[in-house]
Amino acid sequence: MKEKLELIMREEIKHFLEIEQAGTPNRRNGCYQRNLDTQYGRIEGLLASRDRNGEFQTQLFAPYQRHTGWLEEAFKAVYPKADV
């Protein structure tokens, strides 16, 4: 699950910088680590992407959010046969 979430966030920031920030000097600025508690257990060290201007926010969770609710259901819908 961790790898899939990180992949989604990498694609989100790629889209954000290519589409929403096109023509600006804004670019990727590495990642920060986040622990996220789910109904399946804790995801430790989730790498959340960030941009230099601090304008990017993933759609997977809110800033400072540490617990999920809807995320598991969305993940099951996208990857129905995955072991979550």
PDB file of N, CA and C in Angstrom:
ATOM      1  N   MET A   1       0.830  -1.183   0.000  1.00  0.00           N
ATOM      2  CA  MET A   1       0.000   0.000   0.000  1.00  0.00           C
ATOM      3  C   MET A   1       0.884   1.261   0.000  1.00  0.00           C
ATOM      4  N   LYS A   2       1.972   1.230   0.768  1.00  0.00           N
ATOM      5  CA  LYS A   2       2.874   2.377   0.846  1.00  0.00           C
ATOM      6  C   LYS A   2       3.407   2.756  -0.534  1.00  0.00           C
ATOM      7  N   GLU A   3       3.848   1.757  -1.287  1.00  0.00           N
ATOM      8  CA  GLU A   3       4.409   2.021  -2.608  1.00  0.00           C
ATOM      9  C   GLU A   3       3.377   2.631  -3.550  1.00  0.00           C
ATOM     10  N   LYS A   4       2.145   2.151  -3.489  1.00  0.00           N
ATOM     11  CA  LYS A   4       1.082   2.681  -4.355  1.00  0.00           C
ATOM     12  C   LYS A   4       0.757   4.121  -3.993  1.00  0.00           C
ATOM     13  N   LEU A   5       0.696   4.437  -2.710  1.00  0.00           N
ATOM     14  CA  LEU A   5       0.414   5.804  -2.289  1.00  0.00           C
ATOM     15  C   LEU A   5       1.527   6.755  -2.713  1.00  0.00           C
ATOM     16  N   GLU A   6       2.767   6.310  -2.573  1.00  0.00           N
ATOM     17  CA  GLU A   6       3.890   7.142  -2.997  1.00  0.00           C
ATOM     18  C   GLU A   6       3.876   7.360  -4.510  1.00  0.00           C
ATOM     19  N   LEU A   7       3.508   6.334  -5.265  1.00  0.00           N
ATOM     20  CA  LEU A   7       3.390   6.470  -6.717  1.00  0.00           C
ATOM     21  C   LEU A   7       2.317   7.489  -7.078  1.00  0.00           C
ATOM     22  N   ILE A   8       1.178   7.423  -6.420  1.00  0.00           N
ATOM     23  CA  ILE A   8       0.092   8.380  -6.673  1.00  0.00           C
ATOM     24  C   ILE A   8       0.570   9.799  -6.390  1.00  0.00           C
ATOM     25  N   MET A   9       1.270   9.997  -5.282  1.00  0.00           N
ATOM     26  CA  MET A   9       1.747  11.337  -4.941  1.00  0.00           C
ATOM     27  C   MET A   9       2.789  11.846  -5.937  1.00  0.00           C
ATOM     28  N   ARG A  10       3.652  10.962  -6.430  1.00  0.00           N
ATOM     29  CA  ARG A  10       4.628  11.374  -7.448  1.00  0.00           C
ATOM     30  C   ARG A  10       3.920  11.824  -8.722  1.00  0.00           C
ATOM     31  N   GLU A  11       2.872  11.108  -9.100  1.00  0.00           N
ATOM     32  CA  GLU A  11       2.107  11.493 -10.280  1.00  0.00           C
ATOM     33  C   GLU A  11       1.340  12.792 -10.044  1.00  0.00           C
ATOM     34  N   GLU A  12       0.819  12.973  -8.841  1.00  0.00           N
ATOM     35  CA  GLU A  12       0.110  14.210  -8.511  1.00  0.00           C
ATOM     36  C   GLU A  12       1.027  15.425  -8.644  1.00  0.00           C
ATOM     37  N   ILE A  13       2.223  15.349  -8.072  1.00  0.00           N
ATOM     38  CA  ILE A  13       3.115  16.520  -8.130  1.00  0.00           C
ATOM     39  C   ILE A  13       3.614  16.743  -9.550  1.00  0.00           C
ATOM     40  N   LYS A  14       3.816  15.671 -10.290  1.00  0.00           N
ATOM     41  CA  LYS A  14       4.222  15.810 -11.691  1.00  0.00           C
ATOM     42  C   LYS A  14       3.161  16.596 -12.460  1.00  0.00           C
ATOM     43  N   HIS A  15       1.904  16.196 -12.287  1.00  0.00           N
ATOM     44  CA  HIS A  15       0.793  16.892 -12.940  1.00  0.00           C
ATOM     45  C   HIS A  15       0.707  18.339 -12.457  1.00  0.00           C
ATOM     46  N   PHE A  16       0.802  18.550 -11.172  1.00  0.00           N
ATOM     47  CA  PHE A  16       0.735  19.883 -10.582  1.00  0.00           C
ATOM     48  C   PHE A  16       1.778  20.807 -11.197  1.00  0.00           C
ATOM     49  N   LEU A  17       3.015  20.346 -11.297  1.00  0.00           N
ATOM     50  CA  LEU A  17       4.084  21.193 -11.818  1.00  0.00           C
ATOM     51  C   LEU A  17       3.989  21.398 -13.328  1.00  0.00           C
ATOM     52  N   GLU A  18       3.569  20.361 -14.054  1.00  0.00           N
ATOM     53  CA  GLU A  18       3.483  20.466 -15.512  1.00  0.00           C
ATOM     54  C   GLU A  18       2.277  21.266 -15.976  1.00  0.00           C
ATOM     55  N   ILE A  19       1.169  21.168 -15.264  1.00  0.00           N
ATOM     56  CA  ILE A  19      -0.074  21.810 -15.698  1.00  0.00           C
ATOM     57  C   ILE A  19      -0.356  23.093 -14.920  1.00  0.00           C
ATOM     58  N   GLU A  20      -0.460  22.975 -13.605  1.00  0.00           N
ATOM     59  CA  GLU A  20      -0.879  24.120 -12.790  1.00  0.00           C
ATOM     60  C   GLU A  20       0.228  25.140 -12.560  1.00  0.00           C
ATOM     61  N   GLN A  21       1.474  24.711 -12.607  1.00  0.00           N
ATOM     62  CA  GLN A  21       2.598  25.619 -12.360  1.00  0.00           C
ATOM     63  C   GLN A  21       3.445  25.842 -13.618  1.00  0.00           C
ATOM     64  N   ALA A  22       2.895  25.522 -14.771  1.00  0.00           N
ATOM     65  CA  ALA A  22       3.632  25.692 -16.028  1.00  0.00           C
ATOM     66  C   ALA A  22       4.047  27.154 -16.187  1.00  0.00           C
ATOM     67  N   GLY A  23       5.279  27.368 -16.594  1.00  0.00           N
ATOM     68  CA  GLY A  23       5.770  28.716 -16.813  1.00  0.00           C
ATOM     69  C   GLY A  23       6.295  29.398 -15.557  1.00  0.00           C
ATOM     70  N   THR A  24       6.283  28.719 -14.437  1.00  0.00           N
ATOM     71  CA  THR A  24       6.822  29.277 -13.196  1.00  0.00           C
ATOM     72  C   THR A  24       8.123  28.553 -12.863  1.00  0.00           C
ATOM     73  N   PRO A  25       8.953  29.150 -12.028  1.00  0.00           N
ATOM     74  CA  PRO A  25      10.197  28.470 -11.646  1.00  0.00           C
ATOM     75  C   PRO A  25       9.997  27.397 -10.568  1.00  0.00           C
ATOM     76  N   ASN A  26       8.765  27.192 -10.140  1.00  0.00           N
ATOM     77  CA  ASN A  26       8.491  26.183  -9.106  1.00  0.00           C
ATOM     78  C   ASN A  26       8.861  24.798  -9.611  1.00  0.00           C
ATOM     79  N   ARG A  27       9.409  23.964  -8.731  1.00  0.00           N
ATOM     80  CA  ARG A  27       9.783  22.595  -9.099  1.00  0.00           C
ATOM     81  C   ARG A  27       9.768  21.706  -7.860  1.00  0.00           C
ATOM     82  N   ARG A  28      10.048  20.434  -8.060  1.00  0.00           N
ATOM     83  CA  ARG A  28      10.070  19.476  -6.942  1.00  0.00           C
ATOM     84  C   ARG A  28      11.104  19.887  -5.906  1.00  0.00           C
ATOM     85  N   ASN A  29      10.825  19.544  -4.670  1.00  0.00           N
ATOM     86  CA  ASN A  29      11.768  19.827  -3.593  1.00  0.00           C
ATOM     87  C   ASN A  29      11.826  18.626  -2.653  1.00  0.00           C
ATOM     88  N   GLY A  30      12.018  17.455  -3.222  1.00  0.00           N
ATOM     89  CA  GLY A  30      12.154  16.251  -2.413  1.00  0.00           C
ATOM     90  C   GLY A  30      10.860  15.803  -1.772  1.00  0.00           C
ATOM     91  N   CYS A  31      11.012  15.161  -0.611  1.00  0.00           N
ATOM     92  CA  CYS A  31       9.870  14.589   0.096  1.00  0.00           C
ATOM     93  C   CYS A  31      10.035  14.806   1.594  1.00  0.00           C
ATOM     94  N   TYR A  32       8.929  14.662   2.296  1.00  0.00           N
ATOM     95  CA  TYR A  32       8.987  14.604   3.756  1.00  0.00           C
ATOM     96  C   TYR A  32       8.333  13.300   4.172  1.00  0.00           C
ATOM     97  N   GLN A  33       8.676  12.827   5.343  1.00  0.00           N
ATOM     98  CA  GLN A  33       8.115  11.558   5.810  1.00  0.00           C
ATOM     99  C   GLN A  33       6.884  11.796   6.655  1.00  0.00           C
ATOM    100  N   ARG A  34       5.927  10.893   6.501  1.00  0.00           N
ATOM    101  CA  ARG A  34       4.671  10.980   7.226  1.00  0.00           C
ATOM    102  C   ARG A  34       4.296   9.581   7.674  1.00  0.00           C
ATOM    103  N   ASN A  35       3.883   9.428   8.907  1.00  0.00           N
ATOM    104  CA  ASN A  35       3.277   8.183   9.367  1.00  0.00           C
ATOM    105  C   ASN A  35       1.785   8.340   9.221  1.00  0.00           C
ATOM    106  N   LEU A  36       1.129   7.300   8.730  1.00  0.00           N
ATOM    107  CA  LEU A  36      -0.307   7.373   8.482  1.00  0.00           C
ATOM    108  C   LEU A  36      -0.956   6.122   9.057  1.00  0.00           C
ATOM    109  N   ASP A  37      -1.901   6.315   9.969  1.00  0.00           N
ATOM    110  CA  ASP A  37      -2.621   5.193  10.567  1.00  0.00           C
ATOM    111  C   ASP A  37      -3.845   4.861   9.739  1.00  0.00           C
ATOM    112  N   THR A  38      -3.960   3.589   9.352  1.00  0.00           N
ATOM    113  CA  THR A  38      -5.112   3.115   8.587  1.00  0.00           C
ATOM    114  C   THR A  38      -5.779   1.991   9.373  1.00  0.00           C
ATOM    115  N   GLN A  39      -6.906   1.544   8.880  1.00  0.00           N
ATOM    116  CA  GLN A  39      -7.575   0.432   9.561  1.00  0.00           C
ATOM    117  C   GLN A  39      -6.771  -0.851   9.440  1.00  0.00           C
ATOM    118  N   TYR A  40      -5.779  -0.879   8.552  1.00  0.00           N
ATOM    119  CA  TYR A  40      -4.942  -2.059   8.362  1.00  0.00           C
ATOM    120  C   TYR A  40      -3.621  -1.953   9.117  1.00  0.00           C
ATOM    121  N   GLY A  41      -3.427  -0.862   9.805  1.00  0.00           N
ATOM    122  CA  GLY A  41      -2.197  -0.660  10.548  1.00  0.00           C
ATOM    123  C   GLY A  41      -1.506   0.618  10.136  1.00  0.00           C
ATOM    124  N   ARG A  42      -0.384   0.861  10.735  1.00  0.00           N
ATOM    125  CA  ARG A  42       0.364   2.098  10.495  1.00  0.00           C
ATOM    126  C   ARG A  42       1.275   1.944   9.286  1.00  0.00           C
ATOM    127  N   ILE A  43       1.290   2.968   8.447  1.00  0.00           N
ATOM    128  CA  ILE A  43       2.255   3.068   7.358  1.00  0.00           C
ATOM    129  C   ILE A  43       3.342   4.007   7.861  1.00  0.00           C
ATOM    130  N   GLU A  44       4.522   3.475   8.051  1.00  0.00           N
ATOM    131  CA  GLU A  44       5.639   4.263   8.593  1.00  0.00           C
ATOM    132  C   GLU A  44       6.492   4.818   7.464  1.00  0.00           C
ATOM    133  N   GLY A  45       6.896   6.058   7.601  1.00  0.00           N
ATOM    134  CA  GLY A  45       7.845   6.653   6.662  1.00  0.00           C
ATOM    135  C   GLY A  45       7.309   6.848   5.259  1.00  0.00           C
ATOM    136  N   LEU A  46       6.020   7.128   5.127  1.00  0.00           N
ATOM    137  CA  LEU A  46       5.430   7.406   3.823  1.00  0.00           C
ATOM    138  C   LEU A  46       6.076   8.676   3.279  1.00  0.00           C
ATOM    139  N   LEU A  47       6.607   8.619   2.070  1.00  0.00           N
ATOM    140  CA  LEU A  47       7.294   9.763   1.475  1.00  0.00           C
ATOM    141  C   LEU A  47       6.295  10.625   0.706  1.00  0.00           C
ATOM    142  N   ALA A  48       6.016  11.796   1.253  1.00  0.00           N
ATOM    143  CA  ALA A  48       5.068  12.727   0.639  1.00  0.00           C
ATOM    144  C   ALA A  48       5.850  13.782  -0.146  1.00  0.00           C
ATOM    145  N   SER A  49       5.511  13.949  -1.410  1.00  0.00           N
ATOM    146  CA  SER A  49       6.207  14.889  -2.288  1.00  0.00           C
ATOM    147  C   SER A  49       5.923  16.328  -1.869  1.00  0.00           C
ATOM    148  N   ARG A  50       6.885  17.207  -2.197  1.00  0.00           N
ATOM    149  CA  ARG A  50       6.679  18.631  -1.945  1.00  0.00           C
ATOM    150  C   ARG A  50       7.333  19.444  -3.051  1.00  0.00           C
ATOM    151  N   ASP A  51       6.912  20.701  -3.162  1.00  0.00           N
ATOM    152  CA  ASP A  51       7.478  21.608  -4.158  1.00  0.00           C
ATOM    153  C   ASP A  51       8.213  22.743  -3.451  1.00  0.00           C
ATOM    154  N   ARG A  52       9.029  23.468  -4.198  1.00  0.00           N
ATOM    155  CA  ARG A  52       9.839  24.537  -3.607  1.00  0.00           C
ATOM    156  C   ARG A  52       9.003  25.659  -3.012  1.00  0.00           C
ATOM    157  N   ASN A  53       7.893  25.994  -3.633  1.00  0.00           N
ATOM    158  CA  ASN A  53       7.064  27.100  -3.158  1.00  0.00           C
ATOM    159  C   ASN A  53       6.111  26.705  -2.038  1.00  0.00           C
ATOM    160  N   GLY A  54       6.019  25.425  -1.739  1.00  0.00           N
ATOM    161  CA  GLY A  54       5.112  24.968  -0.691  1.00  0.00           C
ATOM    162  C   GLY A  54       3.648  25.060  -1.065  1.00  0.00           C
ATOM    163  N   GLU A  55       3.339  25.028  -2.350  1.00  0.00           N
ATOM    164  CA  GLU A  55       1.963  25.159  -2.827  1.00  0.00           C
ATOM    165  C   GLU A  55       1.285  23.824  -3.098  1.00  0.00           C
ATOM    166  N   PHE A  56       2.072  22.773  -3.275  1.00  0.00           N
ATOM    167  CA  PHE A  56       1.492  21.465  -3.592  1.00  0.00           C
ATOM    168  C   PHE A  56       0.901  20.811  -2.355  1.00  0.00           C
ATOM    169  N   GLN A  57      -0.300  20.246  -2.509  1.00  0.00           N
ATOM    170  CA  GLN A  57      -0.928  19.454  -1.453  1.00  0.00           C
ATOM    171  C   GLN A  57      -1.554  18.229  -2.097  1.00  0.00           C
ATOM    172  N   THR A  58      -1.143  17.048  -1.642  1.00  0.00           N
ATOM    173  CA  THR A  58      -1.715  15.813  -2.167  1.00  0.00           C
ATOM    174  C   THR A  58      -3.213  15.759  -1.872  1.00  0.00           C
ATOM    175  N   GLN A  59      -3.929  15.064  -2.718  1.00  0.00           N
ATOM    176  CA  GLN A  59      -5.364  14.869  -2.517  1.00  0.00           C
ATOM    177  C   GLN A  59      -5.646  13.631  -1.665  1.00  0.00           C
ATOM    178  N   LEU A  60      -4.601  12.877  -1.312  1.00  0.00           N
ATOM    179  CA  LEU A  60      -4.790  11.646  -0.541  1.00  0.00           C
ATOM    180  C   LEU A  60      -5.102  11.907   0.922  1.00  0.00           C
ATOM    181  N   PHE A  61      -4.544  12.972   1.474  1.00  0.00           N
ATOM    182  CA  PHE A  61      -4.816  13.317   2.871  1.00  0.00           C
ATOM    183  C   PHE A  61      -4.569  14.805   3.070  1.00  0.00           C
ATOM    184  N   ALA A  62      -5.191  15.342   4.106  1.00  0.00           N
ATOM    185  CA  ALA A  62      -5.067  16.765   4.421  1.00  0.00           C
ATOM    186  C   ALA A  62      -3.746  17.035   5.142  1.00  0.00           C
ATOM    187  N   PRO A  63      -3.309  18.296   5.129  1.00  0.00           N
ATOM    188  CA  PRO A  63      -2.098  18.621   5.889  1.00  0.00           C
ATOM    189  C   PRO A  63      -2.262  18.214   7.353  1.00  0.00           C
ATOM    190  N   TYR A  64      -1.249  17.618   7.888  1.00  0.00           N
ATOM    191  CA  TYR A  64      -1.191  17.178   9.290  1.00  0.00           C
ATOM    192  C   TYR A  64      -2.133  16.017   9.622  1.00  0.00           C
ATOM    193  N   GLN A  65      -2.840  15.483   8.640  1.00  0.00           N
ATOM    194  CA  GLN A  65      -3.724  14.335   8.894  1.00  0.00           C
ATOM    195  C   GLN A  65      -2.879  13.097   9.167  1.00  0.00           C
ATOM    196  N   ARG A  66      -3.237  12.365  10.196  1.00  0.00           N
ATOM    197  CA  ARG A  66      -2.491  11.170  10.561  1.00  0.00           C
ATOM    198  C   ARG A  66      -3.348   9.898  10.518  1.00  0.00           C
ATOM    199  N   HIS A  67      -4.661  10.052  10.308  1.00  0.00           N
ATOM    200  CA  HIS A  67      -5.574   8.910  10.286  1.00  0.00           C
ATOM    201  C   HIS A  67      -6.430   8.988   9.029  1.00  0.00           C
ATOM    202  N   THR A  68      -6.711   7.841   8.449  1.00  0.00           N
ATOM    203  CA  THR A  68      -7.523   7.809   7.238  1.00  0.00           C
ATOM    204  C   THR A  68      -8.885   7.211   7.525  1.00  0.00           C
ATOM    205  N   GLY A  69      -9.787   7.402   6.605  1.00  0.00           N
ATOM    206  CA  GLY A  69     -11.097   6.794   6.687  1.00  0.00           C
ATOM    207  C   GLY A  69     -11.493   6.311   5.303  1.00  0.00           C
ATOM    208  N   TRP A  70     -11.639   7.252   4.383  1.00  0.00           N
ATOM    209  CA  TRP A  70     -12.078   6.948   3.034  1.00  0.00           C
ATOM    210  C   TRP A  70     -10.973   6.337   2.178  1.00  0.00           C
ATOM    211  N   LEU A  71      -9.719   6.518   2.551  1.00  0.00           N
ATOM    212  CA  LEU A  71      -8.604   6.087   1.722  1.00  0.00           C
ATOM    213  C   LEU A  71      -8.631   4.589   1.441  1.00  0.00           C
ATOM    214  N   GLU A  72      -8.950   3.789   2.444  1.00  0.00           N
ATOM    215  CA  GLU A  72      -8.981   2.342   2.240  1.00  0.00           C
ATOM    216  C   GLU A  72     -10.026   1.934   1.206  1.00  0.00           C
ATOM    217  N   GLU A  73     -11.198   2.564   1.266  1.00  0.00           N
ATOM    218  CA  GLU A  73     -12.256   2.215   0.315  1.00  0.00           C
ATOM    219  C   GLU A  73     -11.861   2.603  -1.107  1.00  0.00           C
ATOM    220  N   ALA A  74     -11.237   3.750  -1.270  1.00  0.00           N
ATOM    221  CA  ALA A  74     -10.794   4.173  -2.593  1.00  0.00           C
ATOM    222  C   ALA A  74      -9.719   3.232  -3.121  1.00  0.00           C
ATOM    223  N   PHE A  75      -8.818   2.811  -2.257  1.00  0.00           N
ATOM    224  CA  PHE A  75      -7.740   1.908  -2.662  1.00  0.00           C
ATOM    225  C   PHE A  75      -8.319   0.566  -3.094  1.00  0.00           C
ATOM    226  N   LYS A  76      -9.293   0.059  -2.349  1.00  0.00           N
ATOM    227  CA  LYS A  76      -9.930  -1.216  -2.713  1.00  0.00           C
ATOM    228  C   LYS A  76     -10.633  -1.116  -4.059  1.00  0.00           C
ATOM    229  N   ALA A  77     -11.238   0.023  -4.335  1.00  0.00           N
ATOM    230  CA  ALA A  77     -11.942   0.195  -5.603  1.00  0.00           C
ATOM    231  C   ALA A  77     -10.972   0.202  -6.786  1.00  0.00           C
ATOM    232  N   VAL A  78      -9.806   0.807  -6.600  1.00  0.00           N
ATOM    233  CA  VAL A  78      -8.827   0.891  -7.676  1.00  0.00           C
ATOM    234  C   VAL A  78      -8.059  -0.410  -7.828  1.00  0.00           C
ATOM    235  N   TYR A  79      -7.722  -1.058  -6.699  1.00  0.00           N
ATOM    236  CA  TYR A  79      -6.949  -2.290  -6.708  1.00  0.00           C
ATOM    237  C   TYR A  79      -7.717  -3.389  -5.967  1.00  0.00           C
ATOM    238  N   PRO A  80      -8.781  -3.920  -6.560  1.00  0.00           N
ATOM    239  CA  PRO A  80      -9.646  -4.861  -5.850  1.00  0.00           C
ATOM    240  C   PRO A  80      -8.974  -6.173  -5.418  1.00  0.00           C
ATOM    241  N   LYS A  81      -7.922  -6.588  -6.097  1.00  0.00           N
ATOM    242  CA  LYS A  81      -7.288  -7.869  -5.759  1.00  0.00           C
ATOM    243  C   LYS A  81      -6.005  -7.682  -4.945  1.00  0.00           C
ATOM    244  N   ALA A  82      -5.683  -6.440  -4.605  1.00  0.00           N
ATOM    245  CA  ALA A  82      -4.440  -6.178  -3.857  1.00  0.00           C
ATOM    246  C   ALA A  82      -4.607  -6.539  -2.389  1.00  0.00           C
ATOM    247  N   ASP A  83      -3.554  -7.066  -1.808  1.00  0.00           N
ATOM    248  CA  ASP A  83      -3.537  -7.298  -0.374  1.00  0.00           C
ATOM    249  C   ASP A  83      -3.184  -5.992   0.294  1.00  0.00           C
ATOM    250  N   VAL A  84      -4.135  -5.402   0.967  1.00  0.00           N
ATOM    251  CA  VAL A  84      -3.934  -4.094   1.592  1.00  0.00           C
ATOM    252  C   VAL A  84      -3.462  -4.279   2.993  1.00  0.00           C
TER     253      VAL A  84
END
